[in-house]
Amino acid sequence: MENRIRDKIKEIEKYLYELSEIKPNNIEEYLDDFKTKAACERYFEKIMESVVDLAFLVIKNKSFATPEDDKKAFEILENEGIITNELSEKLKDAKGMRNIIAHEYGNVDDNIMFESITEQIENDVKEFIDNIKKL
């Protein structure tokens, strides 16, 4: 595996670990601690930025079709049999949530964000990384 891909995977794993160290145990803790909430959202944002970067690195490394945008990158990896349709959809949804946080397109739903941080992001991103490592 190319060094840049390996380095990007290590970066994502570091962010996942750091998020796991600060994420609250329940929604009440999340809502009551503004700094922790903001830090969790920032880690979510950084993780998804890095996941997109990783997708583009793999696409370039494998000489797949160049995606028109970030979400298309996941579709290309799906079409190439690297990730499942289900994982592609989850990552596209997470990318959409990242855009909402980063660009403040609207209010972030705290319940959805908490669920994403505590239940979804780690599993989905680890599955993505595992698939990339198999290449």
C-alpha atoms as a PDB file:
ATOM      1  CA  MET A   1       0.000   0.000   0.000  1.00  0.00           C
ATOM      2  CA  GLU A   2       1.276   3.430  -0.884  1.00  0.00           C
ATOM      3  CA  ASN A   3       2.833   5.456   1.958  1.00  0.00           C
ATOM      4  CA  ARG A   4       0.389   8.355   1.571  1.00  0.00           C
ATOM      5  CA  ILE A   5      -2.546   5.967   1.932  1.00  0.00           C
ATOM      6  CA  ARG A   6      -0.958   4.320   4.974  1.00  0.00           C
ATOM      7  CA  ASP A   7      -0.255   7.729   6.540  1.00  0.00           C
ATOM      8  CA  LYS A   8      -3.837   8.888   5.918  1.00  0.00           C
ATOM      9  CA  ILE A   9      -5.181   5.722   7.571  1.00  0.00           C
ATOM     10  CA  LYS A  10      -2.973   6.384  10.622  1.00  0.00           C
ATOM     11  CA  GLU A  11      -4.255   9.966  10.765  1.00  0.00           C
ATOM     12  CA  ILE A  12      -7.882   8.800  10.706  1.00  0.00           C
ATOM     13  CA  GLU A  13      -7.222   6.155  13.357  1.00  0.00           C
ATOM     14  CA  LYS A  14      -5.610   8.836  15.553  1.00  0.00           C
ATOM     15  CA  TYR A  15      -8.659  11.088  15.182  1.00  0.00           C
ATOM     16  CA  LEU A  16     -11.006   8.181  15.978  1.00  0.00           C
ATOM     17  CA  TYR A  17      -9.015   7.392  19.107  1.00  0.00           C
ATOM     18  CA  GLU A  18      -8.983  11.024  20.216  1.00  0.00           C
ATOM     19  CA  LEU A  19     -12.734  11.268  19.661  1.00  0.00           C
ATOM     20  CA  SER A  20     -13.272   8.095  21.691  1.00  0.00           C
ATOM     21  CA  GLU A  21     -11.345   9.673  24.563  1.00  0.00           C
ATOM     22  CA  ILE A  22     -13.595  12.740  24.801  1.00  0.00           C
ATOM     23  CA  LYS A  23     -17.034  11.623  23.661  1.00  0.00           C
ATOM     24  CA  PRO A  24     -19.676  11.796  26.388  1.00  0.00           C
ATOM     25  CA  ASN A  25     -21.475   8.742  27.716  1.00  0.00           C
ATOM     26  CA  ASN A  26     -24.972  10.081  27.132  1.00  0.00           C
ATOM     27  CA  ILE A  27     -26.896  12.804  25.351  1.00  0.00           C
ATOM     28  CA  GLU A  28     -27.322  14.834  28.538  1.00  0.00           C
ATOM     29  CA  GLU A  29     -23.553  15.093  29.039  1.00  0.00           C
ATOM     30  CA  TYR A  30     -23.205  16.022  25.384  1.00  0.00           C
ATOM     31  CA  LEU A  31     -25.779  18.800  25.598  1.00  0.00           C
ATOM     32  CA  ASP A  32     -24.517  20.132  28.937  1.00  0.00           C
ATOM     33  CA  ASP A  33     -20.858  20.542  27.982  1.00  0.00           C
ATOM     34  CA  PHE A  34     -20.435  23.055  25.169  1.00  0.00           C
ATOM     35  CA  LYS A  35     -16.658  22.547  24.878  1.00  0.00           C
ATOM     36  CA  THR A  36     -16.934  18.774  24.607  1.00  0.00           C
ATOM     37  CA  LYS A  37     -19.776  19.103  22.120  1.00  0.00           C
ATOM     38  CA  ALA A  38     -17.734  21.498  19.984  1.00  0.00           C
ATOM     39  CA  ALA A  39     -14.658  19.266  20.193  1.00  0.00           C
ATOM     40  CA  CYS A  40     -16.682  16.181  19.186  1.00  0.00           C
ATOM     41  CA  GLU A  41     -18.128  18.026  16.204  1.00  0.00           C
ATOM     42  CA  ARG A  42     -14.648  19.169  15.174  1.00  0.00           C
ATOM     43  CA  TYR A  43     -13.262  15.620  15.370  1.00  0.00           C
ATOM     44  CA  PHE A  44     -16.224  14.383  13.318  1.00  0.00           C
ATOM     45  CA  GLU A  45     -15.419  17.045  10.742  1.00  0.00           C
ATOM     46  CA  LYS A  46     -11.702  16.162  10.662  1.00  0.00           C
ATOM     47  CA  ILE A  47     -12.433  12.438  10.404  1.00  0.00           C
ATOM     48  CA  MET A  48     -14.753  12.926   7.440  1.00  0.00           C
ATOM     49  CA  GLU A  49     -12.332  15.289   5.684  1.00  0.00           C
ATOM     50  CA  SER A  50      -9.634  12.645   6.060  1.00  0.00           C
ATOM     51  CA  VAL A  51     -11.934   9.839   4.902  1.00  0.00           C
ATOM     52  CA  VAL A  52     -12.677  11.804   1.727  1.00  0.00           C
ATOM     53  CA  ASP A  53      -8.944  12.429   1.270  1.00  0.00           C
ATOM     54  CA  LEU A  54      -8.341   8.686   1.654  1.00  0.00           C
ATOM     55  CA  ALA A  55     -11.023   7.887  -0.924  1.00  0.00           C
ATOM     56  CA  PHE A  56      -9.363  10.239  -3.421  1.00  0.00           C
ATOM     57  CA  LEU A  57      -5.911   8.764  -2.711  1.00  0.00           C
ATOM     58  CA  VAL A  58      -7.190   5.247  -3.380  1.00  0.00           C
ATOM     59  CA  ILE A  59      -8.974   6.348  -6.552  1.00  0.00           C
ATOM     60  CA  LYS A  60      -5.822   8.030  -7.832  1.00  0.00           C
ATOM     61  CA  ASN A  61      -3.597   5.113  -6.795  1.00  0.00           C
ATOM     62  CA  LYS A  62      -5.846   2.611  -8.613  1.00  0.00           C
ATOM     63  CA  SER A  63      -6.347   4.915 -11.634  1.00  0.00           C
ATOM     64  CA  PHE A  64     -10.123   4.817 -11.285  1.00  0.00           C
ATOM     65  CA  ALA A  65     -12.339   7.460 -12.910  1.00  0.00           C
ATOM     66  CA  THR A  66     -11.875  10.913 -11.394  1.00  0.00           C
ATOM     67  CA  PRO A  67     -14.874  11.841  -9.226  1.00  0.00           C
ATOM     68  CA  GLU A  68     -16.738  15.088  -9.887  1.00  0.00           C
ATOM     69  CA  ASP A  69     -17.188  15.697  -6.164  1.00  0.00           C
ATOM     70  CA  ASP A  70     -16.581  14.158  -2.763  1.00  0.00           C
ATOM     71  CA  LYS A  71     -19.741  12.064  -2.683  1.00  0.00           C
ATOM     72  CA  LYS A  72     -18.985  10.638  -6.154  1.00  0.00           C
ATOM     73  CA  ALA A  73     -15.715   9.307  -4.730  1.00  0.00           C
ATOM     74  CA  PHE A  74     -17.659   6.899  -2.525  1.00  0.00           C
ATOM     75  CA  GLU A  75     -19.802   5.847  -5.490  1.00  0.00           C
ATOM     76  CA  ILE A  76     -16.682   5.065  -7.515  1.00  0.00           C
ATOM     77  CA  LEU A  77     -15.287   2.919  -4.690  1.00  0.00           C
ATOM     78  CA  GLU A  78     -18.669   1.199  -4.493  1.00  0.00           C
ATOM     79  CA  ASN A  79     -18.756   0.579  -8.258  1.00  0.00           C
ATOM     80  CA  GLU A  80     -15.224  -0.842  -8.085  1.00  0.00           C
ATOM     81  CA  GLY A  81     -16.341  -3.320  -5.399  1.00  0.00           C
ATOM     82  CA  ILE A  82     -14.196  -1.817  -2.637  1.00  0.00           C
ATOM     83  CA  ILE A  83     -17.094  -0.767  -0.405  1.00  0.00           C
ATOM     84  CA  THR A  84     -20.713  -1.845  -0.212  1.00  0.00           C
ATOM     85  CA  ASN A  85     -23.660   0.275  -1.260  1.00  0.00           C
ATOM     86  CA  GLU A  86     -24.707   0.494   2.394  1.00  0.00           C
ATOM     87  CA  LEU A  87     -21.312   1.816   3.484  1.00  0.00           C
ATOM     88  CA  SER A  88     -21.199   4.217   0.533  1.00  0.00           C
ATOM     89  CA  GLU A  89     -24.560   5.679   1.574  1.00  0.00           C
ATOM     90  CA  LYS A  90     -23.496   5.991   5.224  1.00  0.00           C
ATOM     91  CA  LEU A  91     -20.284   7.776   4.272  1.00  0.00           C
ATOM     92  CA  LYS A  92     -22.148  10.133   1.928  1.00  0.00           C
ATOM     93  CA  ASP A  93     -24.587  10.931   4.741  1.00  0.00           C
ATOM     94  CA  ALA A  94     -21.692  11.554   7.140  1.00  0.00           C
ATOM     95  CA  LYS A  95     -20.050  13.786   4.533  1.00  0.00           C
ATOM     96  CA  GLY A  96     -23.310  15.748   4.314  1.00  0.00           C
ATOM     97  CA  MET A  97     -23.358  16.123   8.099  1.00  0.00           C
ATOM     98  CA  ARG A  98     -19.737  17.305   7.985  1.00  0.00           C
ATOM     99  CA  ASN A  99     -20.723  19.996   5.478  1.00  0.00           C
ATOM    100  CA  ILE A 100     -23.514  21.179   7.740  1.00  0.00           C
ATOM    101  CA  ILE A 101     -21.050  21.492  10.648  1.00  0.00           C
ATOM    102  CA  ALA A 102     -18.246  23.074   8.629  1.00  0.00           C
ATOM    103  CA  HIS A 103     -20.336  25.544   6.672  1.00  0.00           C
ATOM    104  CA  GLU A 104     -23.160  26.105   9.146  1.00  0.00           C
ATOM    105  CA  TYR A 105     -25.823  25.406   6.535  1.00  0.00           C
ATOM    106  CA  GLY A 106     -28.366  25.118   9.293  1.00  0.00           C
ATOM    107  CA  ASN A 107     -28.806  23.932  12.788  1.00  0.00           C
ATOM    108  CA  VAL A 108     -27.127  20.657  13.614  1.00  0.00           C
ATOM    109  CA  ASP A 109     -29.567  18.182  15.146  1.00  0.00           C
ATOM    110  CA  ASP A 110     -27.870  17.395  18.460  1.00  0.00           C
ATOM    111  CA  ASN A 111     -29.498  13.971  18.744  1.00  0.00           C
ATOM    112  CA  ILE A 112     -28.342  12.909  15.282  1.00  0.00           C
ATOM    113  CA  MET A 113     -24.877  14.334  15.907  1.00  0.00           C
ATOM    114  CA  PHE A 114     -24.568  12.514  19.237  1.00  0.00           C
ATOM    115  CA  GLU A 115     -25.664   9.233  17.638  1.00  0.00           C
ATOM    116  CA  SER A 116     -23.207   9.767  14.794  1.00  0.00           C
ATOM    117  CA  ILE A 117     -20.346  10.445  17.194  1.00  0.00           C
ATOM    118  CA  THR A 118     -21.104   7.654  19.652  1.00  0.00           C
ATOM    119  CA  GLU A 119     -22.436   4.875  17.449  1.00  0.00           C
ATOM    120  CA  GLN A 120     -21.957   5.331  13.741  1.00  0.00           C
ATOM    121  CA  ILE A 121     -18.758   7.119  12.769  1.00  0.00           C
ATOM    122  CA  GLU A 122     -16.352   4.719  14.440  1.00  0.00           C
ATOM    123  CA  ASN A 123     -17.915   1.572  12.975  1.00  0.00           C
ATOM    124  CA  ASP A 124     -18.413   3.010   9.493  1.00  0.00           C
ATOM    125  CA  VAL A 125     -14.947   4.505   9.237  1.00  0.00           C
ATOM    126  CA  LYS A 126     -13.266   1.371  10.612  1.00  0.00           C
ATOM    127  CA  GLU A 127     -15.153  -0.706   8.035  1.00  0.00           C
ATOM    128  CA  PHE A 128     -13.987   1.710   5.321  1.00  0.00           C
ATOM    129  CA  ILE A 129     -10.376   1.487   6.493  1.00  0.00           C
ATOM    130  CA  ASP A 130     -10.533  -2.301   6.697  1.00  0.00           C
ATOM    131  CA  ASN A 131     -11.719  -2.434   3.086  1.00  0.00           C
ATOM    132  CA  ILE A 132      -8.881  -0.135   1.977  1.00  0.00           C
ATOM    133  CA  LYS A 133      -6.303  -2.216   3.839  1.00  0.00           C
ATOM    134  CA  LYS A 134      -7.422  -5.299   1.853  1.00  0.00           C
ATOM    135  CA  LEU A 135      -6.344  -3.692  -1.425  1.00  0.00           C
END
